[in-house]
PDB file of N, CA and C in Angstrom:
ATOM      1  N   MET A   1     157.465 145.231 110.289  1.00  0.00           N
ATOM      2  CA  MET A   1     156.534 144.133 110.180  1.00  0.00           C
ATOM      3  C   MET A   1     155.467 144.285 111.253  1.00  0.00           C
ATOM      4  N   CYS A   2     154.280 143.872 110.937  1.00  0.00           N
ATOM      5  CA  CYS A   2     153.154 143.982 111.860  1.00  0.00           C
ATOM      6  C   CYS A   2     152.900 142.625 112.523  1.00  0.00           C
ATOM      7  N   GLU A   3     153.109 142.582 113.820  1.00  0.00           N
ATOM      8  CA  GLU A   3     152.870 141.357 114.575  1.00  0.00           C
ATOM      9  C   GLU A   3     151.673 141.591 115.489  1.00  0.00           C
ATOM     10  N   LEU A   4     150.779 140.632 115.511  1.00  0.00           N
ATOM     11  CA  LEU A   4     149.502 140.815 116.189  1.00  0.00           C
ATOM     12  C   LEU A   4     149.408 140.043 117.501  1.00  0.00           C
ATOM     13  N   LYS A   5     148.719 140.646 118.457  1.00  0.00           N
ATOM     14  CA  LYS A   5     148.302 139.931 119.657  1.00  0.00           C
ATOM     15  C   LYS A   5     147.001 139.229 119.296  1.00  0.00           C
ATOM     16  N   VAL A   6     146.861 137.991 119.708  1.00  0.00           N
ATOM     17  CA  VAL A   6     145.658 137.217 119.411  1.00  0.00           C
ATOM     18  C   VAL A   6     144.852 137.091 120.702  1.00  0.00           C
ATOM     19  N   LEU A   7     143.607 137.540 120.627  1.00  0.00           N
ATOM     20  CA  LEU A   7     142.709 137.460 121.779  1.00  0.00           C
ATOM     21  C   LEU A   7     141.531 136.566 121.435  1.00  0.00           C
ATOM     22  N   LEU A   8     141.229 135.643 122.335  1.00  0.00           N
ATOM     23  CA  LEU A   8     140.079 134.755 122.184  1.00  0.00           C
ATOM     24  C   LEU A   8     139.095 135.086 123.287  1.00  0.00           C
ATOM     25  N   ASP A   9     137.926 135.557 122.897  1.00  0.00           N
ATOM     26  CA  ASP A   9     136.902 135.982 123.852  1.00  0.00           C
ATOM     27  C   ASP A   9     137.470 136.970 124.871  1.00  0.00           C
ATOM     28  N   GLY A  10     138.330 137.890 124.400  1.00  0.00           N
ATOM     29  CA  GLY A  10     138.890 138.931 125.245  1.00  0.00           C
ATOM     30  C   GLY A  10     140.129 138.556 126.023  1.00  0.00           C
ATOM     31  N   LYS A  11     140.560 137.299 125.952  1.00  0.00           N
ATOM     32  CA  LYS A  11     141.728 136.826 126.699  1.00  0.00           C
ATOM     33  C   LYS A  11     142.914 136.663 125.752  1.00  0.00           C
ATOM     34  N   LEU A  12     144.085 137.194 126.117  1.00  0.00           N
ATOM     35  CA  LEU A  12     145.290 137.064 125.313  1.00  0.00           C
ATOM     36  C   LEU A  12     145.732 135.599 125.276  1.00  0.00           C
ATOM     37  N   VAL A  13     145.821 135.023 124.059  1.00  0.00           N
ATOM     38  CA  VAL A  13     146.148 133.603 123.940  1.00  0.00           C
ATOM     39  C   VAL A  13     147.389 133.345 123.079  1.00  0.00           C
ATOM     40  N   PHE A  14     147.883 134.373 122.370  1.00  0.00           N
ATOM     41  CA  PHE A  14     149.050 134.197 121.498  1.00  0.00           C
ATOM     42  C   PHE A  14     149.591 135.582 121.185  1.00  0.00           C
ATOM     43  N   GLU A  15     150.905 135.696 121.042  1.00  0.00           N
ATOM     44  CA  GLU A  15     151.515 136.982 120.710  1.00  0.00           C
ATOM     45  C   GLU A  15     152.394 136.871 119.480  1.00  0.00           C
ATOM     46  N   ASP A  16     152.593 137.999 118.823  1.00  0.00           N
ATOM     47  CA  ASP A  16     153.497 138.141 117.676  1.00  0.00           C
ATOM     48  C   ASP A  16     153.072 137.316 116.468  1.00  0.00           C
ATOM     49  N   ALA A  17     151.774 137.187 116.251  1.00  0.00           N
ATOM     50  CA  ALA A  17     151.271 136.437 115.094  1.00  0.00           C
ATOM     51  C   ALA A  17     151.514 137.236 113.807  1.00  0.00           C
ATOM     52  N   VAL A  18     152.013 136.537 112.790  1.00  0.00           N
ATOM     53  CA  VAL A  18     152.209 137.151 111.473  1.00  0.00           C
ATOM     54  C   VAL A  18     151.385 136.428 110.412  1.00  0.00           C
ATOM     55  N   TYR A  19     150.680 135.360 110.815  1.00  0.00           N
ATOM     56  CA  TYR A  19     149.903 134.534 109.882  1.00  0.00           C
ATOM     57  C   TYR A  19     148.674 134.019 110.612  1.00  0.00           C
ATOM     58  N   ALA A  20     147.562 134.016 109.910  1.00  0.00           N
ATOM     59  CA  ALA A  20     146.341 133.431 110.466  1.00  0.00           C
ATOM     60  C   ALA A  20     145.541 132.809 109.332  1.00  0.00           C
ATOM     61  N   LYS A  21     144.967 131.636 109.590  1.00  0.00           N
ATOM     62  CA  LYS A  21     144.143 130.951 108.604  1.00  0.00           C
ATOM     63  C   LYS A  21     142.934 130.364 109.312  1.00  0.00           C
ATOM     64  N   ALA A  22     141.759 130.640 108.763  1.00  0.00           N
ATOM     65  CA  ALA A  22     140.528 130.070 109.295  1.00  0.00           C
ATOM     66  C   ALA A  22     140.097 128.943 108.373  1.00  0.00           C
ATOM     67  N   ASP A  23     139.837 127.777 108.937  1.00  0.00           N
ATOM     68  CA  ASP A  23     139.404 126.609 108.172  1.00  0.00           C
ATOM     69  C   ASP A  23     138.261 125.959 108.930  1.00  0.00           C
ATOM     70  N   HIS A  24     137.046 126.200 108.461  1.00  0.00           N
ATOM     71  CA  HIS A  24     135.829 125.752 109.135  1.00  0.00           C
ATOM     72  C   HIS A  24     135.789 126.354 110.531  1.00  0.00           C
ATOM     73  N   ASN A  25     135.884 125.585 111.570  1.00  0.00           N
ATOM     74  CA  ASN A  25     135.809 126.140 112.926  1.00  0.00           C
ATOM     75  C   ASN A  25     137.161 126.107 113.639  1.00  0.00           C
ATOM     76  N   ILE A  26     138.246 126.086 112.856  1.00  0.00           N
ATOM     77  CA  ILE A  26     139.605 126.086 113.415  1.00  0.00           C
ATOM     78  C   ILE A  26     140.350 127.302 112.880  1.00  0.00           C
ATOM     79  N   VAL A  27     141.014 128.019 113.768  1.00  0.00           N
ATOM     80  CA  VAL A  27     141.873 129.130 113.371  1.00  0.00           C
ATOM     81  C   VAL A  27     143.293 128.769 113.765  1.00  0.00           C
ATOM     82  N   ILE A  28     144.202 128.846 112.798  1.00  0.00           N
ATOM     83  CA  ILE A  28     145.616 128.557 113.032  1.00  0.00           C
ATOM     84  C   ILE A  28     146.390 129.858 112.914  1.00  0.00           C
ATOM     85  N   VAL A  29     147.230 130.141 113.903  1.00  0.00           N
ATOM     86  CA  VAL A  29     148.084 131.322 113.870  1.00  0.00           C
ATOM     87  C   VAL A  29     149.539 130.882 114.012  1.00  0.00           C
ATOM     88  N   LYS A  30     150.443 131.684 113.428  1.00  0.00           N
ATOM     89  CA  LYS A  30     151.879 131.397 113.506  1.00  0.00           C
ATOM     90  C   LYS A  30     152.625 132.691 113.764  1.00  0.00           C
ATOM     91  N   ASN A  31     153.794 132.559 114.406  1.00  0.00           N
ATOM     92  CA  ASN A  31     154.660 133.721 114.569  1.00  0.00           C
ATOM     93  C   ASN A  31     155.808 133.640 113.570  1.00  0.00           C
ATOM     94  N   ILE A  32     156.681 134.610 113.586  1.00  0.00           N
ATOM     95  CA  ILE A  32     157.763 134.692 112.606  1.00  0.00           C
ATOM     96  C   ILE A  32     158.753 133.521 112.727  1.00  0.00           C
ATOM     97  N   LEU A  33     158.816 132.895 113.892  1.00  0.00           N
ATOM     98  CA  LEU A  33     159.705 131.759 114.104  1.00  0.00           C
ATOM     99  C   LEU A  33     159.086 130.435 113.672  1.00  0.00           C
ATOM    100  N   GLY A  34     157.816 130.483 113.243  1.00  0.00           N
ATOM    101  CA  GLY A  34     157.129 129.278 112.805  1.00  0.00           C
ATOM    102  C   GLY A  34     156.380 128.548 113.894  1.00  0.00           C
ATOM    103  N   VAL A  35     156.399 129.088 115.099  1.00  0.00           N
ATOM    104  CA  VAL A  35     155.629 128.493 116.189  1.00  0.00           C
ATOM    105  C   VAL A  35     154.154 128.732 115.881  1.00  0.00           C
ATOM    106  N   SER A  36     153.363 127.663 115.946  1.00  0.00           N
ATOM    107  CA  SER A  36     151.945 127.799 115.603  1.00  0.00           C
ATOM    108  C   SER A  36     151.056 127.288 116.726  1.00  0.00           C
ATOM    109  N   LYS A  37     149.805 127.735 116.668  1.00  0.00           N
ATOM    110  CA  LYS A  37     148.808 127.290 117.632  1.00  0.00           C
ATOM    111  C   LYS A  37     147.472 127.242 116.918  1.00  0.00           C
ATOM    112  N   ALA A  38     146.700 126.202 117.178  1.00  0.00           N
ATOM    113  CA  ALA A  38     145.378 126.043 116.572  1.00  0.00           C
ATOM    114  C   ALA A  38     144.310 126.242 117.638  1.00  0.00           C
ATOM    115  N   PHE A  39     143.281 126.975 117.268  1.00  0.00           N
ATOM    116  CA  PHE A  39     142.160 127.233 118.160  1.00  0.00           C
ATOM    117  C   PHE A  39     140.920 126.598 117.544  1.00  0.00           C
ATOM    118  N   THR A  40     140.445 125.519 118.166  1.00  0.00           N
ATOM    119  CA  THR A  40     139.258 124.846 117.656  1.00  0.00           C
ATOM    120  C   THR A  40     138.007 125.565 118.153  1.00  0.00           C
ATOM    121  N   ASN A  41     136.907 125.358 117.445  1.00  0.00           N
ATOM    122  CA  ASN A  41     135.634 125.997 117.777  1.00  0.00           C
ATOM    123  C   ASN A  41     135.786 127.514 117.892  1.00  0.00           C
ATOM    124  N   SER A  42     136.546 128.092 116.949  1.00  0.00           N
ATOM    125  CA  SER A  42     136.805 129.529 116.940  1.00  0.00           C
ATOM    126  C   SER A  42     136.642 130.084 115.538  1.00  0.00           C
ATOM    127  N   GLU A  43     136.442 131.405 115.479  1.00  0.00           N
ATOM    128  CA  GLU A  43     136.371 132.100 114.204  1.00  0.00           C
ATOM    129  C   GLU A  43     137.009 133.470 114.351  1.00  0.00           C
ATOM    130  N   ILE A  44     137.487 134.014 113.231  1.00  0.00           N
ATOM    131  CA  ILE A  44     138.070 135.347 113.238  1.00  0.00           C
ATOM    132  C   ILE A  44     136.936 136.363 113.264  1.00  0.00           C
ATOM    133  N   GLU A  45     136.963 137.198 114.273  1.00  0.00           N
ATOM    134  CA  GLU A  45     135.947 138.226 114.431  1.00  0.00           C
ATOM    135  C   GLU A  45     136.411 139.555 113.841  1.00  0.00           C
ATOM    136  N   GLU A  46     137.693 139.890 114.070  1.00  0.00           N
ATOM    137  CA  GLU A  46     138.203 141.176 113.614  1.00  0.00           C
ATOM    138  C   GLU A  46     139.719 141.132 113.498  1.00  0.00           C
ATOM    139  N   VAL A  47     140.248 141.792 112.465  1.00  0.00           N
ATOM    140  CA  VAL A  47     141.682 142.020 112.326  1.00  0.00           C
ATOM    141  C   VAL A  47     141.874 143.526 112.449  1.00  0.00           C
ATOM    142  N   ASP A  48     142.614 143.950 113.463  1.00  0.00           N
ATOM    143  CA  ASP A  48     142.810 145.371 113.743  1.00  0.00           C
ATOM    144  C   ASP A  48     144.305 145.681 113.678  1.00  0.00           C
ATOM    145  N   ILE A  49     144.766 146.085 112.495  1.00  0.00           N
ATOM    146  CA  ILE A  49     146.187 146.352 112.295  1.00  0.00           C
ATOM    147  C   ILE A  49     146.631 147.572 113.095  1.00  0.00           C
ATOM    148  N   GLU A  50     145.790 148.601 113.131  1.00  0.00           N
ATOM    149  CA  GLU A  50     146.145 149.830 113.852  1.00  0.00           C
ATOM    150  C   GLU A  50     146.461 149.553 115.318  1.00  0.00           C
ATOM    151  N   ASN A  51     145.711 148.663 115.935  1.00  0.00           N
ATOM    152  CA  ASN A  51     145.931 148.300 117.339  1.00  0.00           C
ATOM    153  C   ASN A  51     146.668 146.978 117.495  1.00  0.00           C
ATOM    154  N   THR A  52     147.184 146.443 116.407  1.00  0.00           N
ATOM    155  CA  THR A  52     147.977 145.202 116.355  1.00  0.00           C
ATOM    156  C   THR A  52     147.325 144.054 117.107  1.00  0.00           C
ATOM    157  N   ARG A  53     146.072 143.770 116.743  1.00  0.00           N
ATOM    158  CA  ARG A  53     145.402 142.647 117.398  1.00  0.00           C
ATOM    159  C   ARG A  53     144.507 141.893 116.414  1.00  0.00           C
ATOM    160  N   LEU A  54     144.363 140.620 116.710  1.00  0.00           N
ATOM    161  CA  LEU A  54     143.480 139.719 115.970  1.00  0.00           C
ATOM    162  C   LEU A  54     142.487 139.175 116.982  1.00  0.00           C
ATOM    163  N   LEU A  55     141.217 139.472 116.764  1.00  0.00           N
ATOM    164  CA  LEU A  55     140.192 139.045 117.709  1.00  0.00           C
ATOM    165  C   LEU A  55     139.519 137.775 117.218  1.00  0.00           C
ATOM    166  N   LEU A  56     139.490 136.771 118.067  1.00  0.00           N
ATOM    167  CA  LEU A  56     138.798 135.520 117.791  1.00  0.00           C
ATOM    168  C   LEU A  56     137.623 135.403 118.749  1.00  0.00           C
ATOM    169  N   SER A  57     136.626 134.663 118.320  1.00  0.00           N
ATOM    170  CA  SER A  57     135.493 134.376 119.200  1.00  0.00           C
ATOM    171  C   SER A  57     135.173 132.893 119.125  1.00  0.00           C
ATOM    172  N   SER A  58     134.664 132.377 120.213  1.00  0.00           N
ATOM    173  CA  SER A  58     134.255 130.974 120.267  1.00  0.00           C
ATOM    174  C   SER A  58     132.993 130.777 119.453  1.00  0.00           C
ATOM    175  N   THR A  59     132.901 129.625 118.787  1.00  0.00           N
ATOM    176  CA  THR A  59     131.706 129.304 118.028  1.00  0.00           C
ATOM    177  C   THR A  59     130.737 128.464 118.839  1.00  0.00           C
ATOM    178  N   GLN A  60     131.140 128.034 120.025  1.00  0.00           N
ATOM    179  CA  GLN A  60     130.252 127.238 120.884  1.00  0.00           C
ATOM    180  C   GLN A  60     130.055 127.910 122.207  1.00  0.00           C
TER     181      GLN A  60
END
């Protein structure tokens, strides 16, 4: 299984993400245990499976 490190503006903010959903300016990520975190004023910039990372950027 591919679990991603989540970086927001270059800073590690979440690990082992297996799910991500962008809804307007909110990105929600979850890990395999169902632990979730929402990032407001954010957008998905890049999904990099090879390097196991999900890059987010601030919208403000």
